[in-house]
Amino acid sequence: MSIEKQTLAVPEELAGLRLDQALARMFPDYSRSRLKDWLIAGSIVVEGGPKRPRDAVSGGEIVIFEPQAEVEVQAEAEPMSLEIVHEDDDLLVVNKPAGLVVHPGAGNAAGTLMNGLLHHVPALEEIPRAGIIHRLDKDTSGLLLVAKTLTAHTALVRLLAERDISRHYLAVCTGVLTGGGTINEPIARHPVDRKRMSVQQSGKHAVTHYTVKERFRAFTYVDVKLETGRTHQIRVHFAHRRHALVGDQTYGGRLALPKAATEHLIVALRRFKRQALHATRLAFIHPVSGAVMDFCVAPPQDFADLLIVMREDRDAR
C-alpha cells in the first residue's frame, strides 16, 4: 500500500542540518528512525538521487516522499471477542482481560490480543506491533491503547516517550502500607533468570508513584501511577520493597497466609493465581483532534471478589 506522495523543498532555515534531521522537521508525522529507513531503502529521493542520512542539507533541495508501507506484523488474524472501550478513525482503546497474551511469541503463536486486533482492523498489519502502543502482562487486566494509522502511531509513541500518557493501575500488595510514596529504583533484566526483571543500579531509570486506597489486616489496596514504563515495573518495585503483589507467581514467592485469617480469605488467596494488578485509567490528548481522552474501567470480577473477602476478614475482627 503506497502512502500519499509528497514533493517538498527543504526550507532554507534547515540549512546545515543532517538530512535525517531535516526530514524529521519536514515530516513530523513520522519518526526520525522510520524516515531514515525509508531514505536508505530509496523510498525518499532528494535532488533526484540517493543521499545518506548524515549528509548536510543546503536548503532548497527537492524531496520526493513516496514510501511503501511494509507489512510489519507476522501474525494471523483471528476472530475474537474484544471489549472495545473507544474507537475512532485513528485509535482504539481496549479493555484486556487477565490471561490474554498481548503479542505472539514462543509458545503463543496464536490466540493473542494482536491476533484479535488484526481481525478487527486488518489494516493494522501495516503498523508496527499492530498499533499496540504499550504492553500489559498476560495476567494483568485493563486498558490498552492501539493506533490505527501510522500517523497516530508515531504521535502516540512520542506522547508515551514524553510521559504525556497518564496510566493508573489498581493493585493489592502484601503487608500494610502506612501511606503513599514513590519508588525510584532502576530496573534491568535479572542477571541469572532472564525471564525476570530486578532492581539494579546499572538498570534503566524507573519511577512508580502510589497512594493508599484501603488497608486490610495484612494487605493494602493501592492506586499506582507510572512515571516510566519498564517491563514488570510495578511488580518489581513493590516486590523490592517487600510488598509483592498478591498472587504474583514470579515475584511474590511462597503464599503467606495471615494469622487468624477467615476460611473465606484462605480459599480466596489460594485460588487467586495471578498478580492483583489492573490498568484502570488511561488519559492523553488525541493525536489528531486534540481532544482530551480519559478512560476508566473497574477491575474484573475476580479482583473485586478478592477485595470483598479481604474486607470481610478485616471487619470480622
Protein backbone atom coordinates (compact mmCIF):
# COMPACT_ATOMS: atom_id res chain seq x y z
CA MET A 1 0.00 0.00 0.00
CA SER A 2 1.50 3.33 -1.02
CA ILE A 3 1.42 6.31 1.31
CA GLU A 4 0.38 9.60 -0.34
CA LYS A 5 3.20 11.04 -2.44
CA GLN A 6 4.59 14.41 -1.39
CA THR A 7 7.08 16.73 -3.06
CA LEU A 8 8.65 19.45 -0.92
CA ALA A 9 11.66 21.74 -0.97
CA VAL A 10 13.93 21.72 2.07
CA PRO A 11 13.24 25.02 3.92
CA GLU A 12 16.16 27.43 3.91
CA GLU A 13 16.10 27.63 7.73
CA LEU A 14 17.08 23.94 7.90
CA ALA A 15 20.35 24.55 6.03
CA GLY A 16 23.29 22.89 7.78
CA LEU A 17 21.28 20.12 9.42
CA ARG A 18 21.82 16.43 8.72
CA LEU A 19 19.39 15.16 6.11
CA ASP A 20 17.64 12.79 8.56
CA GLN A 21 17.20 15.70 11.00
CA ALA A 22 15.77 17.92 8.27
CA LEU A 23 13.36 15.19 7.14
CA ALA A 24 12.12 14.78 10.73
CA ARG A 25 11.33 18.52 10.81
CA MET A 26 9.64 18.43 7.40
CA PHE A 27 7.55 15.31 8.05
CA PRO A 28 6.72 15.39 11.79
CA ASP A 29 4.01 12.73 11.42
CA TYR A 30 6.75 10.11 11.09
CA SER A 31 9.58 9.17 13.41
CA ARG A 32 13.15 10.03 12.51
CA SER A 33 14.15 6.36 12.55
CA ARG A 34 11.36 5.42 10.13
CA LEU A 35 12.26 8.28 7.79
CA LYS A 36 15.89 7.16 7.90
CA ASP A 37 14.88 3.60 6.96
CA TRP A 38 12.79 4.87 4.04
CA LEU A 39 15.64 7.09 2.88
CA ILE A 40 18.08 4.16 2.90
CA ALA A 41 15.54 1.99 1.08
CA GLY A 42 15.21 4.59 -1.67
CA SER A 43 11.60 5.49 -0.91
CA ILE A 44 12.65 9.09 -0.21
CA VAL A 45 14.55 10.74 -3.05
CA VAL A 46 16.47 14.00 -2.65
CA GLU A 47 17.51 16.04 -5.71
CA GLY A 48 16.78 13.08 -7.98
CA GLY A 49 19.21 10.65 -6.40
CA PRO A 50 20.15 8.76 -3.22
CA LYS A 51 21.52 10.60 -0.22
CA ARG A 52 22.96 9.42 3.09
CA PRO A 53 21.18 10.27 6.38
CA ARG A 54 24.28 12.10 7.61
CA ASP A 55 24.62 14.31 4.51
CA ALA A 56 24.09 18.00 5.28
CA VAL A 57 21.35 19.93 3.51
CA SER A 58 21.85 23.38 1.96
CA GLY A 59 18.19 24.37 1.74
CA GLY A 60 16.08 24.32 -1.40
CA GLU A 61 16.70 20.65 -2.29
CA ILE A 62 13.63 18.92 -3.74
CA VAL A 63 12.46 15.93 -1.70
CA ILE A 64 10.12 13.35 -3.24
CA PHE A 65 8.49 11.35 -0.45
CA GLU A 66 6.65 8.19 -1.55
CA PRO A 67 7.45 5.35 0.90
CA GLN A 68 5.78 1.98 0.72
CA ALA A 69 4.10 0.74 3.89
CA GLU A 70 5.72 -2.60 4.56
CA VAL A 71 3.92 -5.41 6.34
CA GLU A 72 5.16 -5.02 9.91
CA VAL A 73 3.31 -7.85 11.66
CA GLN A 74 3.79 -11.58 11.26
CA ALA A 75 0.62 -12.85 12.89
CA GLU A 76 -2.63 -14.34 11.67
CA ALA A 77 -5.93 -12.53 12.10
CA GLU A 78 -8.32 -14.43 14.38
CA PRO A 79 -11.92 -13.67 15.31
CA MET A 80 -12.02 -12.74 18.97
CA SER A 81 -14.44 -11.07 21.34
CA LEU A 82 -12.84 -7.76 22.27
CA GLU A 83 -14.14 -5.25 24.80
CA ILE A 84 -13.66 -2.01 22.89
CA VAL A 85 -13.95 0.96 25.24
CA HIS A 86 -13.43 3.55 22.49
CA GLU A 87 -12.77 3.53 18.77
CA ASP A 88 -12.43 6.23 16.10
CA ASP A 89 -10.62 6.56 12.77
CA ASP A 90 -7.21 6.97 14.43
CA LEU A 91 -7.11 4.79 17.51
CA LEU A 92 -8.92 2.41 19.79
CA VAL A 93 -8.82 1.59 23.49
CA VAL A 94 -9.44 -2.00 24.56
CA ASN A 95 -10.08 -3.49 28.00
CA LYS A 96 -7.85 -6.59 28.06
CA PRO A 97 -8.94 -9.49 30.27
CA ALA A 98 -6.45 -11.22 32.55
CA GLY A 99 -4.97 -14.33 30.96
CA LEU A 100 -4.78 -12.91 27.44
CA VAL A 101 -1.29 -12.57 25.96
CA VAL A 102 -0.78 -9.27 24.11
CA HIS A 103 1.84 -10.21 21.47
CA PRO A 104 2.59 -13.57 19.81
CA GLY A 105 5.77 -15.19 20.99
CA ALA A 106 7.34 -18.51 21.90
CA GLY A 107 4.51 -20.83 22.89
CA ASN A 108 1.88 -18.19 21.99
CA ALA A 109 1.79 -18.02 18.21
CA ALA A 110 -1.99 -17.63 18.18
CA GLY A 111 -4.84 -16.58 20.44
CA THR A 112 -3.21 -13.29 21.43
CA LEU A 113 -4.70 -9.82 21.57
CA MET A 114 -2.72 -8.93 18.45
CA ASN A 115 -4.40 -11.75 16.53
CA GLY A 116 -7.80 -10.43 17.57
CA LEU A 117 -6.93 -6.85 16.70
CA LEU A 118 -5.77 -7.85 13.21
CA HIS A 119 -9.18 -9.45 12.62
CA HIS A 120 -10.99 -6.38 13.95
CA VAL A 121 -8.85 -3.91 11.93
CA PRO A 122 -6.97 -5.73 9.10
CA ALA A 123 -5.03 -2.54 8.20
CA LEU A 124 -3.12 -2.89 11.48
CA GLU A 125 -0.78 -5.33 9.73
CA GLU A 126 0.93 -2.26 8.26
CA ILE A 127 1.52 -0.62 11.66
CA PRO A 128 4.42 -1.60 13.96
CA ARG A 129 3.26 -4.15 16.54
CA ALA A 130 -0.23 -3.93 15.04
CA GLY A 131 -0.51 -0.46 16.54
CA ILE A 132 -0.21 -1.58 20.16
CA ILE A 133 1.39 1.36 21.96
CA HIS A 134 2.26 -0.19 25.33
CA ARG A 135 2.22 -3.61 26.95
CA LEU A 136 0.30 -5.33 29.70
CA ASP A 137 1.48 -8.61 31.18
CA LYS A 138 -0.58 -11.68 30.38
CA ASP A 139 -2.16 -11.81 33.84
CA THR A 140 -2.72 -8.06 34.17
CA SER A 141 -6.14 -6.79 33.14
CA GLY A 142 -7.18 -3.37 31.91
CA LEU A 143 -6.79 -0.63 29.33
CA LEU A 144 -4.52 -0.79 26.29
CA LEU A 145 -4.06 1.89 23.64
CA VAL A 146 -3.86 0.95 19.96
CA ALA A 147 -3.08 3.23 16.99
CA LYS A 148 -4.94 2.56 13.75
CA THR A 149 -2.78 4.71 11.44
CA LEU A 150 0.94 5.26 11.06
CA THR A 151 0.49 8.95 11.83
CA ALA A 152 -1.38 8.21 15.05
CA HIS A 153 1.18 5.55 15.99
CA THR A 154 4.10 7.95 15.63
CA ALA A 155 2.31 10.64 17.65
CA LEU A 156 1.22 8.28 20.44
CA VAL A 157 4.66 6.68 20.75
CA ARG A 158 6.06 10.19 21.09
CA LEU A 159 3.47 11.05 23.77
CA LEU A 160 4.40 7.89 25.67
CA ALA A 161 8.12 8.65 25.45
CA GLU A 162 7.49 12.19 26.71
CA ARG A 163 5.35 10.82 29.57
CA ASP A 164 2.24 12.58 28.32
CA ILE A 165 0.05 9.48 28.54
CA SER A 166 -1.27 9.08 32.08
CA ARG A 167 -1.54 5.45 33.21
CA HIS A 168 -3.12 4.49 36.53
CA TYR A 169 -3.30 0.98 37.96
CA LEU A 170 -5.08 -0.63 40.89
CA ALA A 171 -3.15 -3.22 42.86
CA VAL A 172 -3.30 -5.23 46.07
CA CYS A 173 0.05 -5.77 47.74
CA THR A 174 1.12 -7.83 50.72
CA GLY A 175 1.70 -6.04 54.02
CA VAL A 176 0.11 -2.90 55.42
CA LEU A 177 1.49 0.34 53.99
CA THR A 178 1.44 3.38 56.26
CA GLY A 179 0.98 5.84 53.40
CA GLY A 180 1.65 6.63 49.78
CA GLY A 181 5.00 7.35 48.24
CA THR A 182 7.33 7.00 45.28
CA ILE A 183 9.62 4.13 44.32
CA ASN A 184 12.58 5.37 42.31
CA GLU A 185 14.75 2.35 41.55
CA PRO A 186 16.43 1.39 38.25
CA ILE A 187 15.30 -1.86 36.61
CA ALA A 188 17.20 -4.31 34.41
CA ARG A 189 16.99 -7.91 33.28
CA HIS A 190 17.73 -10.31 36.14
CA PRO A 191 21.39 -11.42 35.88
CA VAL A 192 20.53 -15.11 36.33
CA ASP A 193 16.85 -15.63 35.47
CA ARG A 194 16.42 -13.92 32.09
CA LYS A 195 12.63 -14.18 32.26
CA ARG A 196 12.56 -11.86 35.25
CA MET A 197 13.46 -8.24 35.89
CA SER A 198 15.11 -6.87 39.01
CA VAL A 199 16.24 -3.66 40.66
CA GLN A 200 19.86 -2.99 39.67
CA GLN A 201 21.86 0.21 39.84
CA SER A 202 23.00 -0.35 36.26
CA GLY A 203 19.39 -0.62 35.07
CA LYS A 204 17.07 1.85 33.35
CA HIS A 205 15.51 4.74 35.24
CA ALA A 206 12.13 3.64 36.68
CA VAL A 207 9.70 5.63 38.84
CA THR A 208 6.42 4.43 40.36
CA HIS A 209 4.06 6.63 42.40
CA TYR A 210 1.38 5.15 44.65
CA THR A 211 -1.34 6.17 47.09
CA VAL A 212 -3.19 4.04 49.60
CA LYS A 213 -6.85 3.43 48.83
CA GLU A 214 -7.70 0.94 51.58
CA ARG A 215 -5.91 -1.08 54.26
CA PHE A 216 -6.71 -4.62 55.32
CA ARG A 217 -5.22 -6.72 58.10
CA ALA A 218 -2.28 -7.98 56.05
CA PHE A 219 -2.71 -6.30 52.68
CA THR A 220 -3.06 -2.86 51.11
CA TYR A 221 -5.17 -1.72 48.17
CA VAL A 222 -3.25 0.94 46.23
CA ASP A 223 -3.63 3.31 43.28
CA VAL A 224 -0.43 3.30 41.22
CA LYS A 225 0.69 5.88 38.65
CA LEU A 226 3.51 5.06 36.29
CA GLU A 227 6.02 7.78 35.50
CA THR A 228 8.10 5.37 33.41
CA GLY A 229 7.05 2.08 31.85
CA ARG A 230 9.69 -0.60 32.30
CA THR A 231 8.90 -4.29 31.89
CA HIS A 232 7.14 -5.62 35.04
CA GLN A 233 7.84 -2.25 36.70
CA ILE A 234 5.05 -2.19 39.29
CA ARG A 235 5.56 -5.83 40.20
CA VAL A 236 9.34 -5.47 40.54
CA HIS A 237 9.18 -2.23 42.51
CA PHE A 238 6.67 -3.49 45.06
CA ALA A 239 8.49 -6.81 45.45
CA HIS A 240 11.73 -4.89 46.01
CA ARG A 241 10.03 -3.05 48.88
CA ARG A 242 8.93 -6.43 50.31
CA HIS A 243 5.32 -5.72 49.40
CA ALA A 244 4.91 -8.04 46.43
CA LEU A 245 1.55 -8.03 44.69
CA VAL A 246 -0.94 -10.63 45.85
CA GLY A 247 -0.94 -13.65 43.55
CA ASP A 248 2.28 -12.73 41.73
CA GLN A 249 3.71 -16.11 40.74
CA THR A 250 7.01 -14.62 39.54
CA TYR A 251 7.95 -12.05 42.17
CA GLY A 252 5.76 -12.93 45.14
CA GLY A 253 7.43 -16.05 46.47
CA ARG A 254 5.55 -18.62 48.51
CA LEU A 255 2.00 -17.73 49.57
CA ALA A 256 1.98 -16.49 53.18
CA LEU A 257 -1.41 -16.70 54.87
CA PRO A 258 -2.08 -14.05 57.54
CA LYS A 259 -2.58 -15.25 61.09
CA ALA A 260 -6.17 -15.99 62.09
CA ALA A 261 -7.39 -15.42 58.52
CA THR A 262 -11.01 -16.34 57.83
CA GLU A 263 -11.62 -19.52 55.86
CA HIS A 264 -13.03 -17.45 53.01
CA LEU A 265 -9.82 -15.41 52.77
CA ILE A 266 -7.61 -18.51 52.84
CA VAL A 267 -9.59 -20.08 50.00
CA ALA A 268 -9.62 -16.81 48.02
CA LEU A 269 -5.85 -16.33 48.33
CA ARG A 270 -5.13 -19.91 47.26
CA ARG A 271 -7.38 -19.55 44.24
CA PHE A 272 -6.04 -16.17 43.11
CA LYS A 273 -3.27 -17.34 40.77
CA ARG A 274 -2.41 -14.05 39.04
CA GLN A 275 -0.96 -10.74 40.16
CA ALA A 276 -3.64 -8.44 41.61
CA LEU A 277 -2.98 -5.68 39.09
CA HIS A 278 -5.44 -3.83 36.86
CA ALA A 279 -4.81 -0.96 34.42
CA THR A 280 -7.77 1.17 35.42
CA ARG A 281 -7.25 4.57 33.76
CA LEU A 282 -5.73 5.95 30.57
CA ALA A 283 -5.64 9.67 29.75
CA PHE A 284 -4.00 11.54 26.86
CA ILE A 285 -4.52 14.17 24.18
CA HIS A 286 -5.92 12.78 20.94
CA PRO A 287 -3.09 12.91 18.36
CA VAL A 288 -5.36 14.17 15.56
CA SER A 289 -8.36 16.01 17.05
CA GLY A 290 -6.53 17.41 20.08
CA ALA A 291 -9.43 16.35 22.32
CA VAL A 292 -8.80 15.23 25.90
CA MET A 293 -9.27 11.45 26.09
CA ASP A 294 -9.82 9.98 29.54
CA PHE A 295 -10.98 6.39 30.08
CA CYS A 296 -11.55 4.39 33.25
CA VAL A 297 -12.67 0.79 33.75
CA ALA A 298 -13.37 -1.05 37.00
CA PRO A 299 -11.38 -4.18 37.93
CA PRO A 300 -12.72 -7.55 36.76
CA GLN A 301 -14.84 -9.77 38.97
CA ASP A 302 -12.01 -11.88 40.42
CA PHE A 303 -10.23 -8.73 41.61
CA ALA A 304 -13.45 -7.26 43.04
CA ASP A 305 -14.26 -10.53 44.82
CA LEU A 306 -10.78 -10.60 46.40
CA LEU A 307 -11.36 -7.12 47.84
CA ILE A 308 -14.75 -8.18 49.26
CA VAL A 309 -13.21 -11.17 51.07
CA MET A 310 -10.37 -9.01 52.45
CA ARG A 311 -12.89 -6.51 53.81
CA GLU A 312 -14.85 -9.31 55.44
CA ASP A 313 -11.67 -10.64 57.06
CA ARG A 314 -10.76 -7.18 58.36
CA ASP A 315 -14.23 -6.37 59.66
CA ALA A 316 -14.62 -9.75 61.35
CA ARG A 317 -12.06 -8.70 63.99
